Amino acid sequence: MSTDRKLLIGAGALLLVLMSSIIAFSVGVYVGVKGWGTQPALIGQRTNQPDPLQNGQPQDRALPQERPALTGLLMNGNRSMIALRTKEGVRQVAIEKELVITRWDGETVTPGDLERGMALALFGKFDEDEKTLRVNRIVVLPPAEEKGQG
């Protein structure tokens, strides 16, 4: 085999590895944003069925008086985790099974009513490692244009 032929084969192999890496990265980003599609999404999926997270029980409409553990804009999520954009960066939080979601005015909200970009206040407790927040209550904050009104 000549040296030119070896260089061409090496360049071709390098090109294939580079293309495979780009494809793997692209798929990883897509799956990270959209998910695998095996679980119903928490964000933007409206259903007419009662929310299984609420267990069909009437919810307390009083807003919590304590300070939220975290506030920010909703990025994405599912039934067990959500990603929130905060001042400190993106934070992943775990959702408890006894989750209660309300609006700032006390109206109960289903997970399907949540949309990307909504401002949320999360209430819960940190694990022993102080890294994972376990959320048991979410309050949807008013949109920016409504905050200044009444």
C-alpha atoms as a PDB file:
ATOM      1  CA  MET A   1       0.000   0.000   0.000  1.00  0.00           C
ATOM      2  CA  SER A   2       1.307   3.402  -0.882  1.00  0.00           C
ATOM      3  CA  THR A   3       1.594   6.282   1.558  1.00  0.00           C
ATOM      4  CA  ASP A   4      -1.044   8.304  -0.328  1.00  0.00           C
ATOM      5  CA  ARG A   5      -3.553   5.469  -0.024  1.00  0.00           C
ATOM      6  CA  LYS A   6      -2.904   5.136   3.733  1.00  0.00           C
ATOM      7  CA  LEU A   7      -3.421   8.885   4.190  1.00  0.00           C
ATOM      8  CA  LEU A   8      -6.711   8.787   2.274  1.00  0.00           C
ATOM      9  CA  ILE A   9      -7.993   5.839   4.340  1.00  0.00           C
ATOM     10  CA  GLY A  10      -6.947   7.568   7.575  1.00  0.00           C
ATOM     11  CA  ALA A  11      -8.630  10.828   6.515  1.00  0.00           C
ATOM     12  CA  GLY A  12     -11.808   8.907   5.600  1.00  0.00           C
ATOM     13  CA  ALA A  13     -11.834   7.110   8.954  1.00  0.00           C
ATOM     14  CA  LEU A  14     -11.320  10.415  10.777  1.00  0.00           C
ATOM     15  CA  LEU A  15     -14.197  11.957   8.824  1.00  0.00           C
ATOM     16  CA  LEU A  16     -16.505   9.052   9.760  1.00  0.00           C
ATOM     17  CA  VAL A  17     -15.618   9.383  13.450  1.00  0.00           C
ATOM     18  CA  LEU A  18     -16.219  13.133  13.301  1.00  0.00           C
ATOM     19  CA  MET A  19     -19.629  12.685  11.638  1.00  0.00           C
ATOM     20  CA  SER A  20     -20.630  10.017  14.172  1.00  0.00           C
ATOM     21  CA  SER A  21     -19.674  12.319  17.043  1.00  0.00           C
ATOM     22  CA  ILE A  22     -21.749  15.163  15.609  1.00  0.00           C
ATOM     23  CA  ILE A  23     -24.768  12.876  15.198  1.00  0.00           C
ATOM     24  CA  ALA A  24     -24.433  11.526  18.748  1.00  0.00           C
ATOM     25  CA  PHE A  25     -24.185  15.051  20.154  1.00  0.00           C
ATOM     26  CA  SER A  26     -27.236  16.211  18.174  1.00  0.00           C
ATOM     27  CA  VAL A  27     -29.334  13.254  19.333  1.00  0.00           C
ATOM     28  CA  GLY A  28     -28.249  13.889  22.925  1.00  0.00           C
ATOM     29  CA  VAL A  29     -29.308  17.526  22.770  1.00  0.00           C
ATOM     30  CA  TYR A  30     -32.643  16.626  21.161  1.00  0.00           C
ATOM     31  CA  VAL A  31     -33.417  13.945  23.759  1.00  0.00           C
ATOM     32  CA  GLY A  32     -32.340  16.288  26.544  1.00  0.00           C
ATOM     33  CA  VAL A  33     -34.834  18.916  25.408  1.00  0.00           C
ATOM     34  CA  LYS A  34     -37.723  16.768  24.150  1.00  0.00           C
ATOM     35  CA  GLY A  35     -37.280  13.559  26.171  1.00  0.00           C
ATOM     36  CA  TRP A  36     -37.600   9.998  24.919  1.00  0.00           C
ATOM     37  CA  GLY A  37     -41.365  10.256  24.532  1.00  0.00           C
ATOM     38  CA  THR A  38     -42.116   7.232  26.732  1.00  0.00           C
ATOM     39  CA  GLN A  39     -43.654   9.274  29.566  1.00  0.00           C
ATOM     40  CA  PRO A  40     -46.348  11.872  29.216  1.00  0.00           C
ATOM     41  CA  ALA A  41     -44.804  15.303  29.418  1.00  0.00           C
ATOM     42  CA  LEU A  42     -45.546  17.529  32.384  1.00  0.00           C
ATOM     43  CA  ILE A  43     -45.407  20.663  30.289  1.00  0.00           C
ATOM     44  CA  GLY A  44     -48.142  21.576  27.860  1.00  0.00           C
ATOM     45  CA  GLN A  45     -50.022  18.270  27.962  1.00  0.00           C
ATOM     46  CA  ARG A  46     -53.630  19.086  28.711  1.00  0.00           C
ATOM     47  CA  THR A  47     -55.984  16.290  29.659  1.00  0.00           C
ATOM     48  CA  ASN A  48     -59.642  16.190  30.623  1.00  0.00           C
ATOM     49  CA  GLN A  49     -58.955  13.472  33.180  1.00  0.00           C
ATOM     50  CA  PRO A  50     -58.436  14.281  36.845  1.00  0.00           C
ATOM     51  CA  ASP A  51     -54.781  14.677  37.648  1.00  0.00           C
ATOM     52  CA  PRO A  52     -53.425  11.499  39.283  1.00  0.00           C
ATOM     53  CA  LEU A  53     -50.958  13.572  41.308  1.00  0.00           C
ATOM     54  CA  GLN A  54     -53.857  15.281  43.079  1.00  0.00           C
ATOM     55  CA  ASN A  55     -55.527  11.925  43.991  1.00  0.00           C
ATOM     56  CA  GLY A  56     -58.974  13.445  43.460  1.00  0.00           C
ATOM     57  CA  GLN A  57     -58.875  15.119  46.875  1.00  0.00           C
ATOM     58  CA  PRO A  58     -59.861  18.741  47.374  1.00  0.00           C
ATOM     59  CA  GLN A  59     -56.776  20.886  47.657  1.00  0.00           C
ATOM     60  CA  ASP A  60     -56.020  23.578  50.205  1.00  0.00           C
ATOM     61  CA  ARG A  61     -56.399  26.919  48.406  1.00  0.00           C
ATOM     62  CA  ALA A  62     -54.406  28.927  50.937  1.00  0.00           C
ATOM     63  CA  LEU A  63     -51.092  30.050  49.559  1.00  0.00           C
ATOM     64  CA  PRO A  64     -48.037  29.119  51.605  1.00  0.00           C
ATOM     65  CA  GLN A  65     -46.759  31.830  53.899  1.00  0.00           C
ATOM     66  CA  GLU A  66     -43.161  30.566  53.994  1.00  0.00           C
ATOM     67  CA  ARG A  67     -40.469  31.710  51.603  1.00  0.00           C
ATOM     68  CA  PRO A  68     -40.083  29.541  48.460  1.00  0.00           C
ATOM     69  CA  ALA A  69     -37.047  27.283  48.289  1.00  0.00           C
ATOM     70  CA  LEU A  70     -36.499  28.246  44.651  1.00  0.00           C
ATOM     71  CA  THR A  71     -37.994  30.598  42.040  1.00  0.00           C
ATOM     72  CA  GLY A  72     -37.408  30.771  38.325  1.00  0.00           C
ATOM     73  CA  LEU A  73     -38.725  30.109  34.836  1.00  0.00           C
ATOM     74  CA  LEU A  74     -39.874  26.634  33.813  1.00  0.00           C
ATOM     75  CA  MET A  75     -37.703  25.070  31.118  1.00  0.00           C
ATOM     76  CA  ASN A  76     -38.985  21.490  30.837  1.00  0.00           C
ATOM     77  CA  GLY A  77     -39.953  18.518  32.937  1.00  0.00           C
ATOM     78  CA  ASN A  78     -41.902  15.312  33.446  1.00  0.00           C
ATOM     79  CA  ARG A  79     -43.745  13.585  36.303  1.00  0.00           C
ATOM     80  CA  SER A  80     -40.627  13.152  38.464  1.00  0.00           C
ATOM     81  CA  MET A  81     -38.269  16.066  37.664  1.00  0.00           C
ATOM     82  CA  ILE A  82     -38.402  19.603  36.324  1.00  0.00           C
ATOM     83  CA  ALA A  83     -35.732  21.996  35.127  1.00  0.00           C
ATOM     84  CA  LEU A  84     -35.965  25.600  36.281  1.00  0.00           C
ATOM     85  CA  ARG A  85     -33.913  28.571  35.026  1.00  0.00           C
ATOM     86  CA  THR A  86     -32.879  30.608  38.065  1.00  0.00           C
ATOM     87  CA  LYS A  87     -30.531  33.544  38.610  1.00  0.00           C
ATOM     88  CA  GLU A  88     -27.832  31.019  39.541  1.00  0.00           C
ATOM     89  CA  GLY A  89     -28.384  28.939  36.383  1.00  0.00           C
ATOM     90  CA  VAL A  90     -30.440  25.885  35.478  1.00  0.00           C
ATOM     91  CA  ARG A  91     -31.546  23.755  38.452  1.00  0.00           C
ATOM     92  CA  GLN A  92     -33.085  20.276  38.362  1.00  0.00           C
ATOM     93  CA  VAL A  93     -35.572  19.502  41.137  1.00  0.00           C
ATOM     94  CA  ALA A  94     -37.389  16.299  42.124  1.00  0.00           C
ATOM     95  CA  ILE A  95     -41.190  16.262  42.347  1.00  0.00           C
ATOM     96  CA  GLU A  96     -42.902  14.523  45.269  1.00  0.00           C
ATOM     97  CA  LYS A  97     -45.959  12.321  44.675  1.00  0.00           C
ATOM     98  CA  GLU A  98     -48.099  14.585  46.885  1.00  0.00           C
ATOM     99  CA  LEU A  99     -47.508  17.592  44.596  1.00  0.00           C
ATOM    100  CA  VAL A 100     -49.962  20.507  44.794  1.00  0.00           C
ATOM    101  CA  ILE A 101     -49.918  23.107  42.010  1.00  0.00           C
ATOM    102  CA  THR A 102     -51.759  26.413  42.420  1.00  0.00           C
ATOM    103  CA  ARG A 103     -51.779  29.821  40.787  1.00  0.00           C
ATOM    104  CA  TRP A 104     -50.875  32.984  42.692  1.00  0.00           C
ATOM    105  CA  ASP A 105     -54.601  33.630  43.193  1.00  0.00           C
ATOM    106  CA  GLY A 106     -55.190  30.201  44.794  1.00  0.00           C
ATOM    107  CA  GLU A 107     -56.772  28.467  41.783  1.00  0.00           C
ATOM    108  CA  THR A 108     -55.701  24.813  41.404  1.00  0.00           C
ATOM    109  CA  VAL A 109     -53.649  24.039  38.294  1.00  0.00           C
ATOM    110  CA  THR A 110     -52.930  20.679  36.635  1.00  0.00           C
ATOM    111  CA  PRO A 111     -49.445  19.745  35.410  1.00  0.00           C
ATOM    112  CA  GLY A 112     -50.780  19.962  31.848  1.00  0.00           C
ATOM    113  CA  ASP A 113     -51.470  23.678  32.316  1.00  0.00           C
ATOM    114  CA  LEU A 114     -47.774  24.412  32.887  1.00  0.00           C
ATOM    115  CA  GLU A 115     -45.895  25.850  29.915  1.00  0.00           C
ATOM    116  CA  ARG A 116     -42.281  26.680  29.184  1.00  0.00           C
ATOM    117  CA  GLY A 117     -41.305  30.113  30.402  1.00  0.00           C
ATOM    118  CA  MET A 118     -43.842  30.290  33.257  1.00  0.00           C
ATOM    119  CA  ALA A 119     -42.538  31.857  36.455  1.00  0.00           C
ATOM    120  CA  LEU A 120     -42.764  29.378  39.336  1.00  0.00           C
ATOM    121  CA  ALA A 121     -42.153  29.414  43.085  1.00  0.00           C
ATOM    122  CA  LEU A 122     -41.168  25.981  44.399  1.00  0.00           C
ATOM    123  CA  PHE A 123     -41.737  24.892  47.984  1.00  0.00           C
ATOM    124  CA  GLY A 124     -40.153  21.811  49.499  1.00  0.00           C
ATOM    125  CA  LYS A 125     -37.212  20.429  51.398  1.00  0.00           C
ATOM    126  CA  PHE A 126     -33.631  19.630  50.454  1.00  0.00           C
ATOM    127  CA  ASP A 127     -32.284  16.082  50.844  1.00  0.00           C
ATOM    128  CA  GLU A 128     -29.622  15.299  53.428  1.00  0.00           C
ATOM    129  CA  ASP A 129     -26.945  16.005  50.807  1.00  0.00           C
ATOM    130  CA  GLU A 130     -28.365  19.554  50.450  1.00  0.00           C
ATOM    131  CA  LYS A 131     -28.166  19.207  46.656  1.00  0.00           C
ATOM    132  CA  THR A 132     -31.564  17.840  45.636  1.00  0.00           C
ATOM    133  CA  LEU A 133     -34.715  19.859  46.281  1.00  0.00           C
ATOM    134  CA  ARG A 134     -37.832  17.716  46.712  1.00  0.00           C
ATOM    135  CA  VAL A 135     -40.815  19.864  45.732  1.00  0.00           C
ATOM    136  CA  ASN A 136     -44.257  19.253  47.244  1.00  0.00           C
ATOM    137  CA  ARG A 137     -45.887  22.548  46.224  1.00  0.00           C
ATOM    138  CA  ILE A 138     -45.601  24.736  43.138  1.00  0.00           C
ATOM    139  CA  VAL A 139     -47.123  28.199  42.866  1.00  0.00           C
ATOM    140  CA  VAL A 140     -47.428  29.640  39.363  1.00  0.00           C
ATOM    141  CA  LEU A 141     -46.492  33.308  39.640  1.00  0.00           C
ATOM    142  CA  PRO A 142     -48.295  36.010  37.632  1.00  0.00           C
ATOM    143  CA  PRO A 143     -46.911  36.856  34.195  1.00  0.00           C
ATOM    144  CA  ALA A 144     -44.681  39.929  34.054  1.00  0.00           C
ATOM    145  CA  GLU A 145     -47.425  42.152  32.579  1.00  0.00           C
ATOM    146  CA  GLU A 146     -49.841  41.253  35.425  1.00  0.00           C
ATOM    147  CA  LYS A 147     -47.361  41.728  38.298  1.00  0.00           C
ATOM    148  CA  GLY A 148     -47.667  45.522  38.196  1.00  0.00           C
ATOM    149  CA  GLN A 149     -51.466  45.496  38.249  1.00  0.00           C
ATOM    150  CA  GLY A 150     -53.751  45.446  41.266  1.00  0.00           C
END
